[in-house]
Amino acid sequence: MIKSILLYCSMNAFFTGQIIEEARKKANMTQAELAEKIGTNKSYISRVETGKTEPKVSTFYRIASALGLNVELTPAM
């Protein structure tokens, strides 16, 4: 199970979405449940997971927290 996410400064929306979707599914949470926990709507979570929208870092932190994950930021290599 994913417990921590290493997030490089140059986030890629598609891969970020994949990470979020995988973590959400492992947490047995629906998009609607995750959206409610972070104060947004299901369509926003769907857009993030499909890479159509890239969340702000603050939103990414809220998502990670709602999924019980830690986020570590490191410089891009």
Protein backbone atom coordinates (compact mmCIF):
# COMPACT_ATOMS: atom_id res chain seq x y z
CA MET A 1 0.00 0.00 0.00
CA ILE A 2 1.24 3.49 -0.86
CA LYS A 3 2.07 5.39 2.32
CA SER A 4 4.13 8.24 0.98
CA ILE A 5 4.45 10.09 -2.30
CA LEU A 6 7.68 11.54 -3.61
CA LEU A 7 6.64 14.55 -5.64
CA TYR A 8 9.15 16.21 -7.92
CA CYS A 9 8.89 19.95 -8.48
CA SER A 10 7.98 19.44 -12.13
CA MET A 11 4.76 17.50 -11.67
CA ASN A 12 3.24 15.76 -14.67
CA ALA A 13 -0.57 15.95 -14.56
CA PHE A 14 -1.09 12.49 -16.06
CA PHE A 15 1.24 10.69 -13.64
CA THR A 16 -0.02 12.73 -10.69
CA GLY A 17 -3.54 11.63 -11.60
CA GLN A 18 -2.48 8.00 -11.80
CA ILE A 19 -0.90 8.19 -8.35
CA ILE A 20 -4.03 9.76 -6.88
CA GLU A 21 -6.36 7.25 -8.55
CA GLU A 22 -4.30 4.27 -7.37
CA ALA A 23 -4.12 5.59 -3.81
CA ARG A 24 -7.85 6.36 -3.76
CA LYS A 25 -8.74 2.87 -4.94
CA LYS A 26 -6.40 1.26 -2.39
CA ALA A 27 -8.15 3.34 0.27
CA ASN A 28 -11.49 1.91 -0.97
CA MET A 29 -12.77 5.42 -1.54
CA THR A 30 -14.97 6.68 -4.38
CA GLN A 31 -14.23 9.88 -6.26
CA ALA A 32 -17.30 11.41 -4.61
CA GLU A 33 -16.06 10.47 -1.12
CA LEU A 34 -12.61 11.93 -1.79
CA ALA A 35 -14.16 15.08 -3.24
CA GLU A 36 -16.32 15.53 -0.15
CA LYS A 37 -13.31 15.09 2.16
CA ILE A 38 -11.37 17.87 0.43
CA GLY A 39 -14.28 20.19 -0.25
CA THR A 40 -14.62 19.86 -4.01
CA ASN A 41 -16.77 17.92 -6.45
CA LYS A 42 -16.48 14.50 -8.08
CA SER A 43 -15.89 15.96 -11.54
CA TYR A 44 -12.77 17.77 -10.29
CA ILE A 45 -11.33 14.51 -8.90
CA SER A 46 -12.12 12.82 -12.22
CA ARG A 47 -10.32 15.56 -14.17
CA VAL A 48 -7.28 15.27 -11.88
CA GLU A 49 -7.16 11.47 -12.19
CA THR A 50 -7.38 11.59 -15.99
CA GLY A 51 -4.67 14.26 -16.24
CA LYS A 52 -7.02 16.88 -17.67
CA THR A 53 -6.29 19.20 -14.76
CA GLU A 54 -3.23 19.51 -12.54
CA PRO A 55 -3.98 20.26 -8.89
CA LYS A 56 -2.21 23.08 -7.10
CA VAL A 57 0.34 21.84 -4.59
CA SER A 58 -1.97 22.88 -1.73
CA THR A 59 -4.80 20.82 -3.25
CA PHE A 60 -2.45 17.89 -3.78
CA TYR A 61 -1.54 18.05 -0.08
CA ARG A 62 -5.25 18.01 0.86
CA ILE A 63 -5.85 15.01 -1.39
CA ALA A 64 -2.84 13.16 0.02
CA SER A 65 -3.93 13.92 3.57
CA ALA A 66 -7.47 12.68 2.87
CA LEU A 67 -5.94 9.44 1.57
CA GLY A 68 -3.66 9.07 4.61
CA LEU A 69 -0.48 9.72 2.63
CA ASN A 70 2.64 11.79 3.27
CA VAL A 71 4.07 14.07 0.58
CA GLU A 72 7.77 14.81 0.21
CA LEU A 73 8.92 17.55 -2.17
CA THR A 74 12.36 17.30 -3.73
CA PRO A 75 14.07 19.30 -6.48
CA ALA A 76 13.68 17.94 -10.00
CA MET A 77 16.75 16.16 -11.27
